[in-house]
Protein backbone atom coordinates (compact mmCIF):
# COMPACT_ATOMS: atom_id res chain seq x y z
CA ASP A 1 -6.67 -4.64 -16.95
CA GLY A 2 -5.85 -7.48 -14.16
CA PRO A 3 -5.91 -7.15 -10.17
CA LEU A 4 -3.86 -3.93 -10.24
CA GLY A 5 -6.01 -2.30 -13.63
CA GLY A 6 -7.66 -0.02 -10.66
CA LEU A 7 -4.33 1.90 -9.82
CA ARG A 8 -5.27 3.55 -12.87
CA GLN A 9 -8.42 5.70 -11.43
CA TYR A 10 -5.40 7.36 -9.33
CA PRO A 11 -3.95 9.88 -12.02
CA GLY A 12 -1.21 12.35 -11.01
CA GLU A 13 -1.38 11.03 -7.33
CA GLY A 14 1.37 9.50 -4.99
CA LEU A 15 0.10 5.89 -5.14
CA LEU A 16 1.25 3.93 -1.79
CA PRO A 17 0.31 0.20 -2.86
CA THR A 18 1.18 -1.63 0.36
CA SER A 19 1.12 -5.44 1.26
CA LEU A 20 -0.98 -6.07 4.41
CA TYR A 21 -1.22 -9.36 6.50
CA PRO A 22 -2.43 -8.65 10.38
CA ALA A 23 -0.95 -11.50 12.07
CA VAL A 24 2.37 -9.95 11.23
CA PRO A 25 2.96 -7.10 13.89
CA PRO A 26 3.83 -4.65 12.00
CA CYS A 27 1.41 -4.57 9.89
CA PRO A 28 -1.25 -3.23 12.45
CA ALA A 29 0.94 -1.04 13.95
CA GLU A 30 1.45 0.50 10.71
CA ALA A 31 -2.71 0.71 10.15
CA ALA A 32 -3.33 4.32 11.49
CA HIS A 33 -0.29 5.72 10.20
CA LEU A 34 -1.22 4.67 6.70
CA ALA A 35 -4.78 6.03 7.00
CA ALA A 36 -3.37 9.17 7.97
CA LEU A 37 -1.60 9.03 5.06
CA ASP A 38 -4.37 8.31 3.10
CA ALA A 39 -6.12 11.09 3.73
CA LEU A 40 -3.15 13.62 2.58
CA GLU A 41 -4.24 15.70 -0.56
CA GLY A 42 -2.40 13.90 -3.61
CA VAL A 43 -1.83 10.47 -1.71
CA SER A 44 -3.74 7.26 -1.86
CA VAL A 45 -2.83 4.16 0.17
CA ILE A 46 -4.26 1.05 -1.76
CA GLY A 47 -3.74 -2.05 0.69
CA ILE A 48 -3.04 -5.52 -0.64
CA ASN A 49 -4.20 -8.30 1.69
CA VAL A 50 -1.89 -10.79 1.00
CA GLU A 51 -2.98 -13.67 3.23
CA ASP A 52 -6.25 -13.53 5.14
CA ASP A 53 -9.84 -14.71 3.83
CA ALA A 54 -12.14 -11.24 2.80
CA GLY A 55 -13.93 -11.83 5.89
CA THR A 56 -10.54 -11.69 8.26
CA ALA A 57 -9.42 -8.61 6.70
CA GLN A 58 -12.59 -6.76 6.39
CA ALA A 59 -12.20 -7.06 10.18
CA PHE A 60 -9.03 -5.66 10.65
CA GLU A 61 -10.01 -2.86 8.47
CA ARG A 62 -12.84 -1.91 10.56
CA GLY A 63 -11.04 -2.82 13.69
CA PHE A 64 -8.22 -0.05 12.99
CA GLY A 65 -10.91 2.19 11.02
CA ILE A 66 -9.13 1.72 7.40
CA THR A 67 -10.86 3.55 4.63
CA TYR A 68 -8.45 3.25 1.77
CA PRO A 69 -9.39 0.73 -0.51
CA SER A 70 -7.89 -2.91 -0.30
CA ILE A 71 -7.40 -5.75 -2.99
CA ASP A 72 -8.31 -9.08 -1.90
CA ASP A 73 -4.79 -11.30 -3.63
CA ALA A 74 -5.47 -14.56 -2.47
CA ASP A 75 -4.66 -16.03 -5.37
CA GLY A 76 -1.52 -13.72 -5.44
CA ARG A 77 -2.08 -12.30 -9.06
CA ALA A 78 -1.20 -8.61 -7.62
CA VAL A 79 1.71 -9.21 -5.77
CA ALA A 80 2.93 -10.71 -9.04
CA ALA A 81 1.75 -8.17 -10.75
CA LEU A 82 3.92 -5.55 -8.51
CA GLN A 83 7.25 -8.35 -8.78
CA GLY A 84 7.31 -6.88 -12.44
CA LEU A 85 7.89 -3.23 -10.88
CA VAL A 86 9.94 -4.57 -7.44
CA ALA A 87 10.68 -7.33 -5.70
CA ILE A 88 7.98 -8.27 -2.99
CA ASN A 89 9.76 -10.40 -0.61
CA ALA A 90 8.24 -9.74 2.64
CA VAL A 91 5.09 -8.20 4.63
CA PRO A 92 4.70 -6.02 4.79
CA THR A 93 6.41 -3.97 1.56
CA ALA A 94 5.13 -0.55 0.85
CA LEU A 95 6.03 0.98 -2.94
CA ILE A 96 5.50 4.98 -3.29
CA LEU A 97 4.69 5.38 -6.59
CA ASP A 98 5.17 8.95 -8.23
CA ALA A 99 2.38 10.47 -10.23
CA GLU A 100 3.48 8.72 -13.07
CA GLY A 101 3.12 5.50 -12.07
CA TYR A 102 6.74 4.49 -11.27
CA VAL A 103 8.62 3.08 -8.17
CA ALA A 104 10.16 6.05 -6.46
CA ALA A 105 11.08 3.79 -3.35
CA ARG A 106 10.43 0.82 -1.18
CA THR A 107 10.25 0.06 1.95
CA VAL A 108 10.36 -3.47 3.74
CA GLY A 109 9.24 -4.25 7.28
CA ARG A 110 8.07 -1.35 9.95
CA VAL A 111 8.42 1.86 8.87
CA GLU A 112 8.02 5.26 11.32
CA PRO A 113 5.56 7.30 9.94
CA SER A 114 7.79 10.40 9.19
CA THR A 115 9.86 8.09 6.34
CA LEU A 116 6.95 6.91 4.96
CA LYS A 117 5.96 10.80 4.55
CA ALA A 118 9.54 11.98 3.99
CA LEU A 119 9.26 8.99 0.45
CA VAL A 120 5.91 10.21 -0.21
CA ASP A 121 6.76 13.93 -0.26
CA SER A 122 10.09 13.19 -2.33
CA ALA A 123 8.31 11.66 -4.93
CA GLN A 124 6.05 14.14 -5.46
CA ALA A 125 8.69 17.15 -5.55
CA ASP A 126 10.24 14.39 -8.27
CA ALA A 127 7.17 14.28 -10.62
C-alpha cells in the first residue's frame, strides 16, 4: 500500500494531508487551526513530518496539542507518493482531498483558517 495506504481508512471524508516542518514559521502558526479542522465532522487532517526526527516531531505535536495522525516521512516516500497527485514544492503544503480521494485544492505557505475551511467545505459540497 505504500506510505499513504492508510488514507483508505478515511472513506467518504474530506482529507487534508499537510506537510509539516516545525522550524518553518507557518507550521507552528497553523497547528491550532489544523487541529480545529480535524475536530469537524467529516474532516480528517493528516500531518506529514518532512524533516524532523520522530522525537522532535512528537514534541511539536505535544506542544501544540495536535491529536490528528502524523506520518513520519524522513525517507521522503509519502511526499513522493503525493507528487503523483500534485506537486509539493514547499512547506507547509496542504492538499484538500474530496470524499473520493481526488485533489480538490492545494495551498502552499501560511493560509488563513477561514480559507482552509472554505476549501474543505467546497470539496465536500462538490463530492
